[in-house]
Amino acid sequence: MDLAITLLLSFLSVWVWNEIFLRFARRLGALSQGIPNQRRWDSRKKPIIGGIGLYGLALGLAAWRPEGLEISRAFLAGATISFMTGLADDAFVSVPYTKLLGQLSAAAISLLLGAPSLEIEGYPLLSIGLTLFWYVAVMNAFNMMDNMDGIAGTLAAVILFSSFWLIPQNKTLYVGLAVGILAFLARNWYPSHLYMGDNGSQFLGFTLAYWGTQVWEARNMTPAWLNLLSLVAIFSLFAGDTFWVILSRLSRGNSPLQGGTDHLTHRLAQRGWPIQRIAVVLGAIQMLLVLSPLFLMNDKQSVWGNIGLIFVLGTLIGLVHAPYMGISLRLFRVRQAV
């Protein structure tokens, strides 16, 4: 009953916050840039306040501390730095290296305050380096996936709901945030009335990275690469899209840090898929991915199933990108010849 009340209040708090802030966002100027050919498929100006309610929900849960919930200082410190980094980017459109500094700071402060790491026994420096890379990779991959109505929120909600079977403790925080994301999606589903904003994508990206370290700690498989493979399987949709987007941009002679409408979601929309279908299909794929460690990582013989899953998904994402990459590469060669 306590969990049900917590989840109901989590939904209502984010819903009420968004409804109130939508009334004032335009007056306060809290709008997206509305610049074509950037991260979002829809270039119209809309409020970018979706992440504020989710961060406020995390603070509210930490202050309330319903039964069975303990939110560590490590999580709160890193989440706050991540949220403020995204908020600054929304307000001032900071350069990518400033955002990278904020991401590294959030990860480092969390580790110093006792956050779990991707520990490789006997290699402490390698463990720290791998953990810092993990935070930066997940935060950037999630940020890049926030490019179309309903996509990032759907994937984050599916991952956090999987806490029921992947994390033995502190489920309430993640499930509460997942329910809060559902309230956000009520306004972010196509056609959306608001965006998550970098304040939301950085906060949720940090949350997912922190969640991943707790999955690593809970599963505690030996050797360590089995743990890493399990996490890669869960996040392979993000990783695959990021990999192929970087490759696609390099083939065009562009910086990988430059935004564009060249993600998996964009490719599917260009092929005529309705935006709602893209969100539902990717959400279903993400559900299979978070279930995969249960069925594929029970023993060492089944590890090849997870490897096959990652390979198949990466290949499928690559096939979606391939025709566009071929065109881009030919144009790049023509420019070089001229």
Protein backbone atom coordinates (compact mmCIF):
# COMPACT_ATOMS: atom_id res chain seq x y z
CA MET A 1 0.00 0.00 0.00
CA ASP A 2 2.86 2.40 0.82
CA LEU A 3 4.39 1.77 -2.60
CA ALA A 4 1.05 2.41 -4.34
CA ILE A 5 0.63 5.73 -2.50
CA THR A 6 4.20 6.73 -3.33
CA LEU A 7 3.70 5.98 -7.01
CA LEU A 8 0.37 7.83 -7.13
CA LEU A 9 1.90 10.91 -5.51
CA SER A 10 4.90 10.67 -7.85
CA PHE A 11 2.62 10.76 -10.88
CA LEU A 12 0.50 13.59 -9.53
CA SER A 13 3.45 15.75 -8.49
CA VAL A 14 5.04 15.67 -11.96
CA TRP A 15 1.66 16.11 -13.66
CA VAL A 16 0.71 19.15 -11.55
CA TRP A 17 4.15 20.70 -11.92
CA ASN A 18 4.04 20.42 -15.72
CA GLU A 19 0.50 21.79 -15.93
CA ILE A 20 1.42 24.79 -13.79
CA PHE A 21 4.70 25.50 -15.54
CA LEU A 22 3.18 25.20 -19.00
CA ARG A 23 1.10 28.26 -18.12
CA PHE A 24 4.20 30.32 -17.37
CA ALA A 25 6.93 28.86 -19.59
CA ARG A 26 6.37 31.15 -22.57
CA ARG A 27 6.17 34.22 -20.35
CA LEU A 28 9.45 33.23 -18.68
CA GLY A 29 11.12 32.41 -22.01
CA ALA A 30 11.82 28.78 -21.09
CA LEU A 31 11.50 27.61 -24.69
CA SER A 32 13.53 25.45 -27.04
CA GLN A 33 15.70 27.19 -29.60
CA GLY A 34 13.47 26.13 -32.49
CA ILE A 35 16.49 25.84 -34.80
CA PRO A 36 16.04 23.52 -37.81
CA ASN A 37 18.46 20.61 -38.33
CA GLN A 38 19.19 20.26 -34.63
CA ARG A 39 18.55 17.37 -32.24
CA ARG A 40 14.76 17.45 -32.30
CA TRP A 41 12.64 16.26 -35.20
CA ASP A 42 10.08 19.00 -34.53
CA SER A 43 11.79 22.41 -34.76
CA ARG A 44 8.89 24.41 -33.31
CA LYS A 45 9.54 26.30 -30.09
CA LYS A 46 8.09 24.56 -27.06
CA PRO A 47 8.71 24.74 -23.30
CA ILE A 48 11.80 22.81 -22.19
CA ILE A 49 10.76 22.30 -18.59
CA GLY A 50 10.00 18.57 -18.52
CA GLY A 51 13.08 17.65 -16.53
CA ILE A 52 12.42 20.13 -13.72
CA GLY A 53 9.47 18.17 -12.40
CA LEU A 54 11.42 14.90 -12.50
CA TYR A 55 14.36 16.38 -10.60
CA GLY A 56 11.92 17.91 -8.12
CA LEU A 57 10.32 14.48 -7.69
CA ALA A 58 13.71 12.97 -6.79
CA LEU A 59 14.25 15.70 -4.19
CA GLY A 60 10.74 15.16 -2.85
CA LEU A 61 11.27 11.42 -2.45
CA ALA A 62 14.59 12.07 -0.71
CA ALA A 63 12.93 14.48 1.73
CA TRP A 64 9.87 12.28 2.33
CA ARG A 65 11.76 8.96 2.51
CA PRO A 66 8.82 6.56 2.32
CA GLU A 67 9.31 3.17 3.91
CA GLY A 68 12.07 1.16 2.29
CA LEU A 69 13.65 4.11 0.45
CA GLU A 70 17.11 5.43 1.20
CA ILE A 71 18.50 7.91 -1.33
CA SER A 72 22.24 8.34 -0.92
CA ARG A 73 24.11 11.63 -0.87
CA ALA A 74 26.14 10.27 -3.78
CA PHE A 75 23.07 10.06 -6.00
CA LEU A 76 21.66 13.43 -4.94
CA ALA A 77 24.97 15.24 -5.45
CA GLY A 78 25.58 13.76 -8.91
CA ALA A 79 21.96 14.25 -9.95
CA THR A 80 22.05 17.90 -8.88
CA ILE A 81 25.26 18.62 -10.80
CA SER A 82 23.84 16.86 -13.88
CA PHE A 83 20.56 18.76 -13.65
CA MET A 84 22.33 22.10 -13.25
CA THR A 85 24.66 21.27 -16.16
CA GLY A 86 21.65 20.61 -18.40
CA LEU A 87 19.82 23.68 -17.12
CA ALA A 88 22.83 25.87 -17.92
CA ASP A 89 22.97 24.38 -21.42
CA ASP A 90 19.26 25.13 -21.93
CA ALA A 91 19.73 28.70 -20.74
CA PHE A 92 23.05 29.60 -22.35
CA VAL A 93 23.58 26.94 -25.10
CA SER A 94 27.00 26.03 -23.69
CA VAL A 95 29.78 24.41 -25.74
CA PRO A 96 29.99 20.58 -25.65
CA TYR A 97 33.18 20.61 -23.60
CA THR A 98 31.44 22.50 -20.80
CA LYS A 99 28.77 19.82 -20.71
CA LEU A 100 31.46 17.13 -20.66
CA LEU A 101 33.08 18.83 -17.65
CA GLY A 102 29.72 18.82 -15.86
CA GLN A 103 29.21 15.13 -16.62
CA LEU A 104 32.65 14.19 -15.33
CA SER A 105 32.12 16.32 -12.23
CA ALA A 106 28.80 14.61 -11.48
CA ALA A 107 30.36 11.16 -11.83
CA ALA A 108 33.48 12.04 -9.81
CA ILE A 109 31.55 13.62 -6.93
CA SER A 110 29.25 10.60 -6.78
CA LEU A 111 32.20 8.22 -6.61
CA LEU A 112 33.88 10.30 -3.90
CA LEU A 113 30.66 10.16 -1.86
CA GLY A 114 30.49 6.38 -2.09
CA ALA A 115 28.52 5.61 -5.26
CA PRO A 116 29.00 2.07 -6.59
CA SER A 117 31.52 1.70 -9.38
CA LEU A 118 32.00 -0.77 -12.19
CA GLU A 119 34.49 -2.61 -10.03
CA ILE A 120 37.04 -4.93 -11.60
CA GLU A 121 38.71 -6.81 -8.76
CA GLY A 122 42.42 -6.07 -8.49
CA TYR A 123 42.32 -3.10 -10.90
CA PRO A 124 41.15 -0.03 -8.95
CA LEU A 125 42.35 2.60 -11.44
CA LEU A 126 40.83 0.71 -14.36
CA SER A 127 37.56 0.47 -12.40
CA ILE A 128 37.48 4.23 -11.83
CA GLY A 129 38.31 4.98 -15.46
CA LEU A 130 35.66 2.56 -16.71
CA THR A 131 33.06 4.07 -14.37
CA LEU A 132 33.79 7.65 -15.47
CA PHE A 133 33.57 6.57 -19.10
CA TRP A 134 30.31 4.76 -18.34
CA TYR A 135 28.67 7.89 -16.92
CA VAL A 136 29.77 10.10 -19.79
CA ALA A 137 28.76 7.53 -22.42
CA VAL A 138 25.29 6.89 -20.99
CA MET A 139 24.54 10.57 -20.36
CA ASN A 140 25.54 11.56 -23.89
CA ALA A 141 23.80 8.60 -25.53
CA PHE A 142 20.58 9.37 -23.68
CA ASN A 143 20.90 13.06 -24.53
CA MET A 144 21.28 12.18 -28.20
CA MET A 145 18.20 9.94 -28.07
CA ASP A 146 16.10 12.87 -26.83
CA ASN A 147 15.29 13.97 -30.37
CA MET A 148 11.63 13.15 -31.01
CA ASP A 149 8.34 13.24 -29.10
CA GLY A 150 7.99 10.43 -26.58
CA ILE A 151 11.19 8.53 -27.43
CA ALA A 152 13.63 9.29 -24.58
CA GLY A 153 10.92 9.22 -21.92
CA THR A 154 9.57 5.87 -23.11
CA LEU A 155 12.99 4.21 -23.10
CA ALA A 156 13.92 5.64 -19.69
CA ALA A 157 10.62 4.53 -18.15
CA VAL A 158 11.05 0.97 -19.46
CA ILE A 159 14.60 0.73 -18.07
CA LEU A 160 13.67 2.13 -14.65
CA PHE A 161 10.62 -0.13 -14.34
CA SER A 162 12.96 -3.10 -14.79
CA SER A 163 14.31 -2.27 -11.31
CA PHE A 164 11.60 -4.65 -10.06
CA TRP A 165 13.65 -7.63 -11.25
CA LEU A 166 17.20 -6.28 -11.70
CA ILE A 167 17.83 -4.37 -8.46
CA PRO A 168 17.15 -5.93 -5.02
CA GLN A 169 17.11 -2.64 -3.06
CA ASN A 170 16.04 1.00 -3.50
CA LYS A 171 13.49 0.12 -6.17
CA THR A 172 11.15 2.87 -4.96
CA LEU A 173 13.32 5.72 -6.25
CA TYR A 174 13.61 4.31 -9.77
CA VAL A 175 10.03 3.10 -10.05
CA GLY A 176 8.80 6.42 -8.64
CA LEU A 177 10.81 8.26 -11.30
CA ALA A 178 9.46 5.88 -13.97
CA VAL A 179 5.90 6.76 -12.92
CA GLY A 180 6.86 10.44 -12.97
CA ILE A 181 8.12 9.95 -16.54
CA LEU A 182 4.69 8.57 -17.46
CA ALA A 183 3.19 11.85 -16.25
CA PHE A 184 5.75 13.70 -18.37
CA LEU A 185 4.90 11.52 -21.39
CA ALA A 186 1.26 12.56 -21.09
CA ARG A 187 2.44 15.96 -22.36
CA ASN A 188 5.46 14.80 -24.37
CA TRP A 189 3.67 12.17 -26.48
CA TYR A 190 3.15 13.18 -30.10
CA PRO A 191 2.04 15.89 -30.71
CA SER A 192 3.92 17.15 -27.66
CA HIS A 193 3.29 20.27 -25.63
CA LEU A 194 6.71 20.33 -23.96
CA TYR A 195 10.22 18.96 -24.26
CA MET A 196 12.40 17.30 -21.66
CA GLY A 197 15.19 19.81 -22.17
CA ASP A 198 18.84 19.18 -21.41
CA ASN A 199 17.97 19.69 -17.75
CA GLY A 200 15.90 16.52 -18.00
CA SER A 201 18.12 14.51 -20.34
CA GLN A 202 21.24 15.15 -18.25
CA PHE A 203 19.44 14.32 -15.00
CA LEU A 204 17.87 11.13 -16.38
CA GLY A 205 21.08 10.19 -18.16
CA PHE A 206 22.93 10.37 -14.85
CA THR A 207 20.12 8.43 -13.16
CA LEU A 208 20.35 5.64 -15.75
CA ALA A 209 24.14 5.50 -15.44
CA TYR A 210 23.89 5.33 -11.63
CA TRP A 211 21.20 2.66 -12.02
CA GLY A 212 23.58 0.69 -14.24
CA THR A 213 26.29 0.67 -11.57
CA GLN A 214 23.75 -0.72 -9.09
CA VAL A 215 22.80 -3.46 -11.55
CA TRP A 216 26.51 -4.27 -11.86
CA GLU A 217 26.84 -4.41 -8.08
CA ALA A 218 23.69 -6.53 -7.64
CA ARG A 219 24.55 -9.12 -10.30
CA ASN A 220 28.23 -9.33 -9.26
CA MET A 221 29.15 -11.86 -11.93
CA THR A 222 32.65 -13.24 -12.41
CA PRO A 223 34.54 -12.59 -14.63
CA ALA A 224 33.77 -8.86 -14.78
CA TRP A 225 33.25 -8.85 -18.53
CA LEU A 226 30.01 -10.80 -17.99
CA ASN A 227 28.71 -7.91 -15.92
CA LEU A 228 29.80 -5.45 -18.59
CA LEU A 229 28.16 -7.51 -21.31
CA SER A 230 24.91 -7.51 -19.35
CA LEU A 231 24.93 -3.71 -19.14
CA VAL A 232 25.88 -3.32 -22.80
CA ALA A 233 22.93 -5.54 -23.73
CA ILE A 234 20.52 -3.37 -21.72
CA PHE A 235 21.83 -0.13 -23.26
CA SER A 236 22.64 -1.45 -26.73
CA LEU A 237 19.78 0.50 -28.35
CA PHE A 238 21.36 3.76 -27.16
CA ALA A 239 24.89 2.58 -27.94
CA GLY A 240 24.00 1.34 -31.42
CA ASP A 241 22.27 4.57 -32.40
CA THR A 242 25.14 6.70 -31.04
CA PHE A 243 27.76 4.60 -32.85
CA TRP A 244 26.04 4.78 -36.23
CA VAL A 245 25.23 8.49 -35.89
CA ILE A 246 28.89 9.29 -35.16
CA LEU A 247 29.96 7.17 -38.13
CA SER A 248 27.35 8.83 -40.35
CA ARG A 249 28.48 12.33 -39.40
CA LEU A 250 32.14 11.52 -39.91
CA SER A 251 31.30 10.13 -43.37
CA ARG A 252 29.82 13.54 -44.21
CA GLY A 253 32.86 15.35 -42.88
CA ASN A 254 30.89 16.79 -39.95
CA SER A 255 31.78 16.89 -36.28
CA PRO A 256 30.07 14.14 -34.22
CA LEU A 257 29.21 16.87 -31.70
CA GLN A 258 27.10 18.75 -34.26
CA GLY A 259 23.38 18.02 -33.93
CA GLY A 260 21.27 16.77 -36.80
CA THR A 261 18.23 14.79 -37.87
CA ASP A 262 20.22 11.62 -38.57
CA HIS A 263 19.31 9.33 -35.68
CA LEU A 264 17.57 5.97 -35.88
CA THR A 265 14.30 7.66 -35.00
CA HIS A 266 14.76 10.18 -37.81
CA ARG A 267 15.61 7.48 -40.33
CA LEU A 268 12.45 5.56 -39.46
CA ALA A 269 10.35 8.74 -39.72
CA GLN A 270 11.92 9.48 -43.12
CA ARG A 271 10.75 6.02 -44.21
CA GLY A 272 7.17 6.93 -43.36
CA TRP A 273 6.81 5.56 -39.84
CA PRO A 274 4.40 7.54 -37.63
CA ILE A 275 6.15 9.03 -34.62
CA GLN A 276 3.83 7.18 -32.21
CA ARG A 277 4.78 3.84 -33.80
CA ILE A 278 8.49 4.61 -33.49
CA ALA A 279 8.11 5.25 -29.76
CA VAL A 280 6.07 2.08 -29.21
CA VAL A 281 8.39 -0.18 -31.26
CA LEU A 282 11.58 1.14 -29.66
CA GLY A 283 9.95 0.83 -26.24
CA ALA A 284 9.11 -2.82 -26.97
CA ILE A 285 12.69 -3.48 -28.11
CA GLN A 286 13.99 -1.86 -24.94
CA MET A 287 11.73 -4.14 -22.88
CA LEU A 288 13.30 -7.18 -24.53
CA LEU A 289 16.74 -5.80 -23.79
CA VAL A 290 16.09 -5.30 -20.07
CA LEU A 291 14.66 -8.81 -19.89
CA SER A 292 17.67 -10.32 -21.65
CA PRO A 293 19.97 -10.57 -18.59
CA LEU A 294 17.34 -12.70 -16.83
CA PHE A 295 17.16 -15.27 -19.61
CA LEU A 296 20.60 -15.05 -21.16
CA MET A 297 22.97 -14.49 -18.24
CA ASN A 298 21.97 -17.24 -15.82
CA ASP A 299 25.10 -19.23 -16.58
CA LYS A 300 28.31 -18.85 -18.56
CA GLN A 301 27.12 -21.06 -21.42
CA SER A 302 24.32 -18.61 -22.25
CA VAL A 303 26.60 -15.58 -22.65
CA TRP A 304 26.65 -16.08 -26.42
CA GLY A 305 22.95 -15.36 -26.50
CA ASN A 306 23.58 -11.86 -25.20
CA ILE A 307 26.45 -11.36 -27.62
CA GLY A 308 24.15 -12.43 -30.45
CA LEU A 309 21.42 -10.07 -29.24
CA ILE A 310 23.78 -7.09 -29.23
CA PHE A 311 25.17 -8.04 -32.66
CA VAL A 312 21.73 -8.44 -34.23
CA LEU A 313 20.45 -5.13 -32.83
CA GLY A 314 23.58 -3.25 -33.89
CA THR A 315 23.33 -4.74 -37.39
CA LEU A 316 19.66 -3.78 -37.73
CA ILE A 317 20.36 -0.20 -36.63
CA GLY A 318 23.27 -0.09 -39.06
CA LEU A 319 21.06 -1.28 -41.92
CA VAL A 320 18.66 1.59 -41.24
CA HIS A 321 21.55 4.07 -41.39
CA ALA A 322 23.42 2.40 -44.29
CA PRO A 323 21.62 3.98 -47.30
CA TYR A 324 22.04 7.47 -45.88
CA MET A 325 25.67 6.83 -44.98
CA GLY A 326 26.36 5.69 -48.53
CA ILE A 327 24.91 8.90 -49.97
CA SER A 328 26.83 11.00 -47.45
CA LEU A 329 30.11 9.22 -48.23
CA ARG A 330 29.70 9.75 -51.99
CA LEU A 331 28.95 13.45 -51.49
CA PHE A 332 31.96 13.78 -49.20
CA ARG A 333 34.23 12.21 -51.85
CA VAL A 334 32.85 14.59 -54.49
CA ARG A 335 33.59 17.60 -52.26
CA GLN A 336 37.12 16.33 -51.65
CA ALA A 337 37.69 15.85 -55.38
CA VAL A 338 36.50 19.39 -56.12
